[in-house]
Amino acid sequence: MSLTVEKALGMDIFKDCRLLTGKAGMQNRILWVNILEILDDLSHIEPGEFLITTAHGFNADSLEEQKAMADLFASKGLGAIAIQTGHYLLEIPSSFVQLLKSYNIPLIQIPPEASFKNLTRALMNELITVNDDKQAVIKTEKLKPDNERLKIHIETMKNLWQKIIEHDAPELFQLEVERININPENPIMVLLITVCRDDRASEYISAERNYQILKEIEQKVVVLLKNQNIPFMIGPRDGAFLLLVQQEQSKLSSSDEFSIAKMLSKNLEGIAPDCTIRFGQSNIHKSYKDLKQALGEAEKAQMAAQLELLDYTNMVSFRAMNLYRLIMDIENMDMLKGVFHETVEPLLLYDQRSGGGLMRTLKVYLQHCSLKEASEALYVHRHTLRYRLKQVEEFTGFNPLLPNDNLQLNIGLHIYYYLKALNLLN
């Protein structure tokens, strides 16, 4: 027993839809349901698919493009196509109707108010019910072995990630986002995970071993997030692991900003004992539509970790990068060097000549902005700290105790550490 186009159109969910052509193909077997809002990449269509689309990108004026599309559908063995009118396509061209008629491909018109989600759910439930022969359902994930199903799911997520990143209108992919259990209205956060050699390790991490470790991380992360019912999406990235996670706003914005990263880190221990797994974390964003911005933030946080710009390097959040968020966006290195020369370079030269510690004194004071706390952190008397800060003013012309001067010195110090990490001070 199998699901045919005729049986599908007899379902109550299709009562307001209209068959335009393809009566001769009504006995085509439906083996899978595919939703495409944008008709851009049709290379993954497989035999027996029931394609549901809003036909965004369909050229109603080009007979040549319509014929090429119809030819492709026929060569792929498309079971049927249902087009929703009223959004991107007001009316299905008669020329396209005739082309599909010549190939006996059923063409169904869906009214604007119909829900893709409800149509898909009804068809998939019917597929699962009527297909006792598992071989007939060639793409139904519920009937595939676990490892094969997992591969398909991961590949689907990576392809979707790439489309969202590259397209100017990510909202067009809402239906595909919903299909992988991401709520389009809930906040998201991106993690960029990399593997680097531990300081204690003697061997270099080869590209092949790095790939194997990342594959182990990928499999374990998927299991962990699925078990905890955390919606997620894996992204494509050579040499690293990209992850979008989604939780309730209250959980994502909890006081422990690394709650998910820490959970993953703890469970990933043992995969590579001689390696360090680093997490670069984006800010929290309103929805998946901000994926591109979140990815950029995670990349900057990961770079800050790699360059060891902060006191901690295993987990760095974009929010905690402070001035580095701005400095790393500046491409003019000469300008950065100019600020360094005008602010803290005299302190560096003094320390190199005398073995003093004015740079460290300034760093600690700027971290606390309190004479009491800074003197305690440096293990010196407050009078000693005042004397050193007076030296800072004499060498630089900026008084650390004054807000505007304090900011100038802070910027200069951050630029110094950034240029030093990039080996650009010479």
Protein backbone atom coordinates (compact mmCIF):
# COMPACT_ATOMS: atom_id res chain seq x y z
CA MET A 1 0.00 0.00 0.00
CA SER A 2 1.36 3.45 -0.88
CA LEU A 3 0.36 7.10 -0.93
CA THR A 4 -0.47 8.43 -4.38
CA VAL A 5 -1.13 11.97 -5.56
CA GLU A 6 -4.80 11.10 -5.93
CA LYS A 7 -5.06 9.88 -2.33
CA ALA A 8 -3.21 12.93 -1.07
CA LEU A 9 -5.53 15.35 -2.87
CA GLY A 10 -8.47 13.49 -1.37
CA MET A 11 -7.33 14.42 2.12
CA ASP A 12 -9.37 17.12 3.87
CA ILE A 13 -6.30 19.37 4.16
CA PHE A 14 -6.31 19.77 0.35
CA LYS A 15 -10.02 20.60 -0.01
CA ASP A 16 -9.32 24.25 -0.93
CA CYS A 17 -6.50 23.40 -3.35
CA ARG A 18 -7.06 23.05 -7.09
CA LEU A 19 -5.57 20.56 -9.54
CA LEU A 20 -4.56 22.50 -12.66
CA THR A 21 -3.14 19.66 -14.72
CA GLY A 22 -1.59 16.21 -14.58
CA LYS A 23 -4.57 13.89 -14.25
CA ALA A 24 -2.56 11.19 -15.98
CA GLY A 25 -0.03 11.40 -13.13
CA MET A 26 -2.54 11.02 -10.30
CA GLN A 27 -1.24 7.54 -9.54
CA ASN A 28 2.31 8.81 -9.01
CA ARG A 29 3.63 7.53 -5.68
CA ILE A 30 4.57 10.13 -3.07
CA LEU A 31 7.76 9.09 -1.32
CA TRP A 32 8.76 12.35 0.36
CA VAL A 33 7.54 15.88 0.99
CA ASN A 34 9.86 18.79 0.22
CA ILE A 35 9.27 22.49 0.98
CA LEU A 36 11.13 25.12 -1.03
CA GLU A 37 10.19 28.77 -0.73
CA ILE A 38 12.90 29.76 -3.21
CA LEU A 39 13.23 27.85 -6.45
CA ASP A 40 16.98 28.31 -6.68
CA ASP A 41 18.63 24.93 -6.07
CA LEU A 42 16.58 22.04 -7.48
CA SER A 43 19.50 19.64 -7.77
CA HIS A 44 18.48 17.68 -4.65
CA ILE A 45 15.01 16.72 -5.89
CA GLU A 46 14.53 12.95 -5.85
CA PRO A 47 11.99 10.60 -7.46
CA GLY A 48 8.56 10.64 -5.90
CA GLU A 49 8.89 14.00 -4.13
CA PHE A 50 5.81 16.11 -3.50
CA LEU A 51 7.23 19.63 -3.87
CA ILE A 52 5.45 22.48 -2.06
CA THR A 53 6.62 26.02 -2.89
CA THR A 54 5.71 29.72 -2.96
CA ALA A 55 7.71 29.86 -6.22
CA HIS A 56 9.88 32.77 -5.11
CA GLY A 57 12.33 33.37 -7.96
CA PHE A 58 10.05 31.80 -10.58
CA ASN A 59 10.31 33.71 -13.87
CA ALA A 60 6.74 33.95 -15.17
CA ASP A 61 7.92 35.77 -18.29
CA SER A 62 10.59 33.36 -19.49
CA LEU A 63 9.31 30.35 -21.39
CA GLU A 64 12.89 29.11 -21.72
CA GLU A 65 13.40 29.00 -17.94
CA GLN A 66 10.01 27.38 -17.40
CA LYS A 67 10.83 24.66 -19.94
CA ALA A 68 14.21 24.02 -18.29
CA MET A 69 12.47 23.66 -14.93
CA ALA A 70 9.79 21.31 -16.32
CA ASP A 71 12.48 19.22 -18.04
CA LEU A 72 14.39 18.95 -14.76
CA PHE A 73 11.25 17.90 -12.84
CA ALA A 74 10.56 15.21 -15.40
CA SER A 75 14.15 13.92 -15.43
CA LYS A 76 14.18 13.78 -11.62
CA GLY A 77 10.87 11.89 -11.48
CA LEU A 78 9.03 14.54 -9.46
CA GLY A 79 5.79 13.11 -8.08
CA ALA A 80 3.83 16.38 -7.97
CA ILE A 81 4.28 20.11 -7.41
CA ALA A 82 2.01 22.40 -5.38
CA ILE A 83 2.46 26.16 -5.83
CA GLN A 84 1.01 28.70 -3.40
CA THR A 85 -0.20 31.79 -5.24
CA GLY A 86 -0.85 35.24 -3.83
CA HIS A 87 2.58 35.95 -2.37
CA TYR A 88 5.39 35.89 -4.92
CA LEU A 89 3.36 34.53 -7.83
CA LEU A 90 -0.11 35.95 -8.34
CA GLU A 91 -1.04 33.50 -11.06
CA ILE A 92 0.57 30.34 -12.45
CA PRO A 93 1.38 30.94 -16.14
CA SER A 94 -0.62 28.84 -18.60
CA SER A 95 2.64 28.09 -20.42
CA PHE A 96 4.01 26.34 -17.31
CA VAL A 97 0.73 24.46 -16.86
CA GLN A 98 1.00 23.14 -20.42
CA LEU A 99 4.62 22.12 -19.97
CA LEU A 100 3.83 20.05 -16.88
CA LYS A 101 0.78 18.60 -18.64
CA SER A 102 3.06 17.28 -21.38
CA TYR A 103 5.06 15.41 -18.74
CA ASN A 104 1.99 14.21 -16.77
CA ILE A 105 3.26 15.94 -13.63
CA PRO A 106 0.35 16.93 -11.35
CA LEU A 107 0.31 20.70 -10.67
CA ILE A 108 -1.72 21.89 -7.69
CA GLN A 109 -2.58 25.48 -6.82
CA ILE A 110 -2.55 26.30 -3.10
CA PRO A 111 -4.55 29.32 -1.83
CA PRO A 112 -2.62 32.11 -0.03
CA GLU A 113 -4.13 31.37 3.39
CA ALA A 114 -3.07 27.69 3.43
CA SER A 115 -0.42 26.64 5.99
CA PHE A 116 2.65 24.86 4.61
CA LYS A 117 3.27 23.40 8.04
CA ASN A 118 -0.18 21.81 8.22
CA LEU A 119 0.07 20.46 4.68
CA THR A 120 3.47 18.93 5.36
CA ARG A 121 2.46 17.44 8.70
CA ALA A 122 -0.65 15.84 7.21
CA LEU A 123 1.26 14.35 4.28
CA MET A 124 4.12 13.03 6.43
CA ASN A 125 1.69 11.45 8.91
CA GLU A 126 -0.07 9.77 6.03
CA LEU A 127 3.25 8.58 4.59
CA ILE A 128 4.25 6.99 7.87
CA THR A 129 0.84 5.33 8.22
CA VAL A 130 0.44 3.85 4.75
CA ASN A 131 4.01 2.89 3.85
CA ASP A 132 4.50 -0.55 5.34
CA ASP A 133 7.20 -1.15 2.76
CA LYS A 134 10.16 0.78 4.17
CA GLN A 135 11.98 0.68 0.85
CA ALA A 136 9.26 2.86 -0.66
CA VAL A 137 9.97 5.75 1.67
CA ILE A 138 13.39 6.55 0.28
CA LYS A 139 13.95 9.74 2.28
CA THR A 140 11.74 9.46 5.35
CA GLU A 141 14.16 10.00 8.20
CA LYS A 142 12.00 8.16 10.73
CA LEU A 143 12.59 4.91 8.80
CA LYS A 144 16.33 5.26 8.23
CA PRO A 145 19.10 3.80 10.43
CA ASP A 146 20.22 6.19 13.15
CA ASN A 147 23.60 7.03 11.62
CA GLU A 148 22.13 7.60 8.16
CA ARG A 149 19.31 9.72 9.56
CA LEU A 150 21.83 11.76 11.53
CA LYS A 151 23.96 12.40 8.44
CA ILE A 152 20.94 13.64 6.48
CA HIS A 153 19.82 15.89 9.35
CA ILE A 154 23.29 17.43 9.75
CA GLU A 155 23.69 17.99 6.01
CA THR A 156 20.24 19.62 5.87
CA MET A 157 21.20 22.00 8.68
CA LYS A 158 24.50 22.97 7.07
CA ASN A 159 22.86 23.68 3.72
CA LEU A 160 20.19 25.80 5.39
CA TRP A 161 22.81 27.71 7.41
CA GLN A 162 24.69 28.57 4.22
CA LYS A 163 21.54 29.81 2.48
CA ILE A 164 20.56 32.03 5.43
CA ILE A 165 24.07 33.53 5.59
CA GLU A 166 24.29 34.23 1.87
CA HIS A 167 20.77 35.57 1.28
CA ASP A 168 19.71 39.17 1.89
CA ALA A 169 16.25 38.08 3.10
CA PRO A 170 16.67 35.29 5.70
CA GLU A 171 12.96 35.46 6.52
CA LEU A 172 12.34 33.57 3.27
CA PHE A 173 13.69 30.43 4.94
CA GLN A 174 11.29 30.43 7.89
CA LEU A 175 9.55 27.23 6.84
CA GLU A 176 12.83 25.38 6.44
CA VAL A 177 13.95 26.68 9.84
CA GLU A 178 10.78 25.36 11.44
CA ARG A 179 11.36 21.96 9.86
CA ILE A 180 14.55 21.51 11.90
CA ASN A 181 12.68 22.53 15.10
CA ILE A 182 14.04 26.08 15.36
CA ASN A 183 11.40 28.55 16.53
CA PRO A 184 11.64 31.58 14.19
CA GLU A 185 10.62 33.93 17.02
CA ASN A 186 12.97 32.73 19.76
CA PRO A 187 16.45 34.16 20.50
CA ILE A 188 19.59 32.46 19.26
CA MET A 189 23.27 32.34 20.07
CA VAL A 190 26.20 31.07 17.98
CA LEU A 191 29.19 29.10 19.23
CA LEU A 192 32.38 28.61 17.21
CA ILE A 193 34.35 25.65 18.56
CA THR A 194 37.97 25.00 17.64
CA VAL A 195 40.61 22.48 18.65
CA CYS A 196 44.16 23.57 19.40
CA ARG A 197 47.26 21.83 20.71
CA ASP A 198 47.61 21.80 24.48
CA ASP A 199 50.78 23.41 25.84
CA ARG A 200 51.74 20.03 27.30
CA ALA A 201 51.38 18.20 23.98
CA SER A 202 54.53 17.39 22.05
CA GLU A 203 53.02 16.64 18.66
CA TYR A 204 51.51 18.99 16.10
CA ILE A 205 47.80 18.43 15.37
CA SER A 206 47.54 17.34 11.76
CA ALA A 207 44.64 18.45 9.59
CA GLU A 208 43.45 14.83 9.43
CA ARG A 209 43.40 14.42 13.21
CA ASN A 210 41.74 17.81 13.68
CA TYR A 211 39.01 16.66 11.27
CA GLN A 212 38.51 13.41 13.20
CA ILE A 213 38.24 15.26 16.52
CA LEU A 214 35.72 17.71 15.09
CA LYS A 215 33.63 14.80 13.75
CA GLU A 216 33.58 13.26 17.23
CA ILE A 217 32.59 16.63 18.67
CA GLU A 218 29.82 16.94 16.08
CA GLN A 219 28.30 13.56 16.92
CA LYS A 220 28.51 14.08 20.68
CA VAL A 221 27.07 17.62 20.56
CA VAL A 222 24.10 16.42 18.51
CA VAL A 223 23.31 13.70 21.04
CA LEU A 224 23.74 16.05 24.02
CA LEU A 225 21.46 18.77 22.63
CA LYS A 226 18.83 16.32 21.45
CA ASN A 227 18.75 14.63 24.87
CA GLN A 228 18.26 18.00 26.57
CA ASN A 229 15.66 19.17 24.02
CA ILE A 230 17.72 22.21 23.08
CA PRO A 231 16.92 23.37 19.52
CA PHE A 232 20.10 23.70 17.47
CA MET A 233 21.56 24.03 14.00
CA ILE A 234 25.03 22.98 12.85
CA GLY A 235 26.84 25.18 10.36
CA PRO A 236 29.51 24.47 7.73
CA ARG A 237 33.08 25.42 8.65
CA ASP A 238 36.40 23.85 7.64
CA GLY A 239 38.71 23.25 10.58
CA ALA A 240 36.13 24.27 13.20
CA PHE A 241 32.63 23.47 14.45
CA LEU A 242 29.76 25.94 14.13
CA LEU A 243 26.68 25.72 16.30
CA LEU A 244 23.51 27.77 16.72
CA VAL A 245 21.60 27.10 19.94
CA GLN A 246 18.20 28.30 20.99
CA GLN A 247 16.59 28.41 24.41
CA GLU A 248 14.09 30.51 26.26
CA GLN A 249 15.23 34.13 26.69
CA SER A 250 15.42 33.71 30.47
CA LYS A 251 17.83 30.78 30.14
CA LEU A 252 20.05 32.31 27.49
CA SER A 253 20.40 35.56 29.42
CA SER A 254 21.09 33.95 32.79
CA SER A 255 23.93 35.18 34.98
CA ASP A 256 26.09 32.30 33.76
CA GLU A 257 26.55 33.35 30.16
CA PHE A 258 28.58 30.23 29.39
CA SER A 259 26.03 27.72 30.69
CA ILE A 260 25.68 25.87 27.37
CA ALA A 261 29.38 26.13 26.49
CA LYS A 262 30.33 24.76 29.93
CA MET A 263 27.88 21.89 29.59
CA LEU A 264 29.33 20.99 26.21
CA SER A 265 32.92 21.43 27.39
CA LYS A 266 32.39 19.11 30.34
CA ASN A 267 30.90 16.40 28.16
CA LEU A 268 33.56 16.76 25.47
CA GLU A 269 36.38 16.05 27.91
CA GLY A 270 38.32 12.97 26.94
CA ILE A 271 37.81 13.28 23.18
CA ALA A 272 41.30 14.72 22.79
CA PRO A 273 43.27 14.75 26.07
CA ASP A 274 46.27 16.45 24.47
CA CYS A 275 44.17 19.25 22.97
CA THR A 276 42.29 22.30 24.18
CA ILE A 277 38.75 22.90 22.96
CA ARG A 278 37.98 26.62 22.69
CA PHE A 279 34.60 28.31 22.49
CA GLY A 280 33.92 31.66 20.84
CA GLN A 281 30.43 32.85 21.75
CA SER A 282 28.23 35.51 20.17
CA ASN A 283 25.80 37.83 21.87
CA ILE A 284 22.18 36.72 22.19
CA HIS A 285 20.09 37.79 19.19
CA LYS A 286 16.37 38.06 18.63
CA SER A 287 16.00 35.28 16.08
CA TYR A 288 17.68 33.17 13.41
CA LYS A 289 17.41 36.17 11.06
CA ASP A 290 20.41 37.64 12.90
CA LEU A 291 22.54 34.56 12.17
CA LYS A 292 25.06 36.42 10.02
CA GLN A 293 25.75 39.02 12.71
CA ALA A 294 25.93 36.38 15.44
CA LEU A 295 28.41 34.38 13.36
CA GLY A 296 30.66 37.42 12.95
CA GLU A 297 30.64 37.97 16.71
CA ALA A 298 31.51 34.34 17.45
CA GLU A 299 34.39 34.54 14.97
CA LYS A 300 35.79 37.64 16.67
CA ALA A 301 35.46 36.03 20.10
CA GLN A 302 37.27 32.94 18.82
CA MET A 303 40.05 35.12 17.38
CA ALA A 304 40.39 36.93 20.70
CA ALA A 305 40.79 33.53 22.37
CA GLN A 306 43.33 32.41 19.80
CA LEU A 307 45.37 35.60 20.20
CA GLU A 308 45.07 35.28 24.00
CA LEU A 309 43.92 38.89 24.31
CA LEU A 310 42.02 38.16 27.50
CA ASP A 311 43.13 36.52 30.73
CA TYR A 312 41.06 33.44 29.87
CA THR A 313 41.19 31.72 26.50
CA ASN A 314 39.04 28.57 26.57
CA MET A 315 35.73 30.44 26.55
CA VAL A 316 35.45 33.97 25.21
CA SER A 317 32.19 35.80 24.63
CA PHE A 318 31.81 38.73 22.28
CA ARG A 319 30.22 40.71 25.13
CA ALA A 320 33.33 40.32 27.30
CA MET A 321 35.74 41.55 24.63
CA ASN A 322 35.13 45.18 25.56
CA LEU A 323 37.36 47.52 23.52
CA TYR A 324 38.64 44.66 21.35
CA ARG A 325 35.19 44.56 19.73
CA LEU A 326 36.01 47.93 18.17
CA ILE A 327 39.76 47.56 17.70
CA MET A 328 39.48 44.31 15.74
CA ASP A 329 37.19 46.06 13.23
CA ILE A 330 39.88 48.59 12.34
CA GLU A 331 41.85 47.55 9.28
CA ASN A 332 44.21 50.53 9.27
CA MET A 333 47.17 49.18 11.25
CA ASP A 334 49.09 52.44 10.86
CA MET A 335 46.34 54.28 12.70
CA LEU A 336 46.41 51.72 15.52
CA LYS A 337 50.18 52.00 15.75
CA GLY A 338 49.82 55.78 15.90
CA VAL A 339 47.52 55.56 18.93
CA PHE A 340 49.93 53.14 20.60
CA HIS A 341 52.88 55.51 20.03
CA GLU A 342 50.90 58.46 21.43
CA THR A 343 49.73 56.69 24.58
CA VAL A 344 51.50 53.75 26.22
CA GLU A 345 54.67 53.25 24.16
CA PRO A 346 56.71 55.51 26.50
CA LEU A 347 55.74 53.25 29.41
CA LEU A 348 56.83 50.15 27.49
CA LEU A 349 60.19 51.72 26.62
CA TYR A 350 60.73 52.78 30.25
CA ASP A 351 59.95 49.27 31.52
CA GLN A 352 62.36 47.75 28.99
CA ARG A 353 65.16 50.12 30.04
CA SER A 354 64.67 49.97 33.78
CA GLY A 355 62.96 46.65 34.42
CA GLY A 356 60.05 48.58 35.90
CA GLY A 357 56.41 47.63 35.90
CA LEU A 358 54.48 50.71 34.83
CA MET A 359 52.61 48.79 32.10
CA ARG A 360 51.40 46.19 34.59
CA THR A 361 50.54 48.91 37.12
CA LEU A 362 48.45 50.71 34.53
CA LYS A 363 46.72 47.51 33.42
CA VAL A 364 45.74 46.54 36.97
CA TYR A 365 44.56 50.04 37.84
CA LEU A 366 42.44 50.26 34.66
CA GLN A 367 40.86 46.92 35.52
CA HIS A 368 39.75 48.17 38.95
CA CYS A 369 39.65 51.99 38.67
CA SER A 370 40.06 51.98 42.44
CA LEU A 371 43.24 52.88 44.30
CA LYS A 372 42.32 50.53 47.16
CA GLU A 373 41.50 47.49 44.99
CA ALA A 374 44.39 48.04 42.58
CA SER A 375 46.97 48.44 45.39
CA GLU A 376 45.71 45.21 46.98
CA ALA A 377 45.93 43.37 43.63
CA LEU A 378 49.51 44.66 43.12
CA TYR A 379 50.48 44.02 46.76
CA VAL A 380 51.74 47.60 47.18
CA HIS A 381 50.80 50.49 49.42
CA ARG A 382 48.35 53.05 48.04
CA HIS A 383 51.05 55.74 48.26
CA THR A 384 53.29 53.57 46.07
CA LEU A 385 50.47 53.13 43.59
CA ARG A 386 49.85 56.90 43.49
CA TYR A 387 53.55 57.48 42.82
CA ARG A 388 53.54 54.99 39.92
CA LEU A 389 50.42 56.52 38.41
CA LYS A 390 52.10 59.91 38.64
CA GLN A 391 54.98 58.42 36.65
CA VAL A 392 52.49 57.20 34.04
CA GLU A 393 51.22 60.76 33.67
CA GLU A 394 54.75 62.16 33.38
CA PHE A 395 55.72 59.69 30.62
CA THR A 396 52.48 59.81 28.61
CA GLY A 397 50.86 63.15 29.38
CA PHE A 398 47.67 61.33 30.43
CA ASN A 399 46.47 61.21 34.04
CA PRO A 400 44.91 57.78 34.79
CA LEU A 401 42.79 59.35 37.54
CA LEU A 402 40.92 61.58 35.06
CA PRO A 403 38.07 59.90 33.10
CA ASN A 404 39.02 61.17 29.61
CA ASP A 405 42.73 60.46 30.09
CA ASN A 406 41.85 57.09 31.61
CA LEU A 407 39.95 56.17 28.43
CA GLN A 408 42.85 57.21 26.19
CA LEU A 409 45.26 55.03 28.14
CA ASN A 410 42.82 52.13 28.17
CA ILE A 411 42.47 52.25 24.40
CA GLY A 412 46.23 52.48 23.97
CA LEU A 413 46.82 49.50 26.25
CA HIS A 414 44.27 47.36 24.41
CA ILE A 415 45.84 48.30 21.06
CA TYR A 416 49.27 47.38 22.43
CA TYR A 417 48.17 43.85 23.36
CA TYR A 418 46.38 43.44 20.02
CA LEU A 419 49.41 44.54 17.96
CA LYS A 420 51.70 42.43 20.11
CA ALA A 421 49.55 39.33 19.51
CA LEU A 422 49.74 39.97 15.77
CA ASN A 423 53.51 40.52 15.92
CA LEU A 424 53.12 44.01 14.47
CA LEU A 425 55.05 46.03 17.02
CA ASN A 426 58.41 45.82 15.26
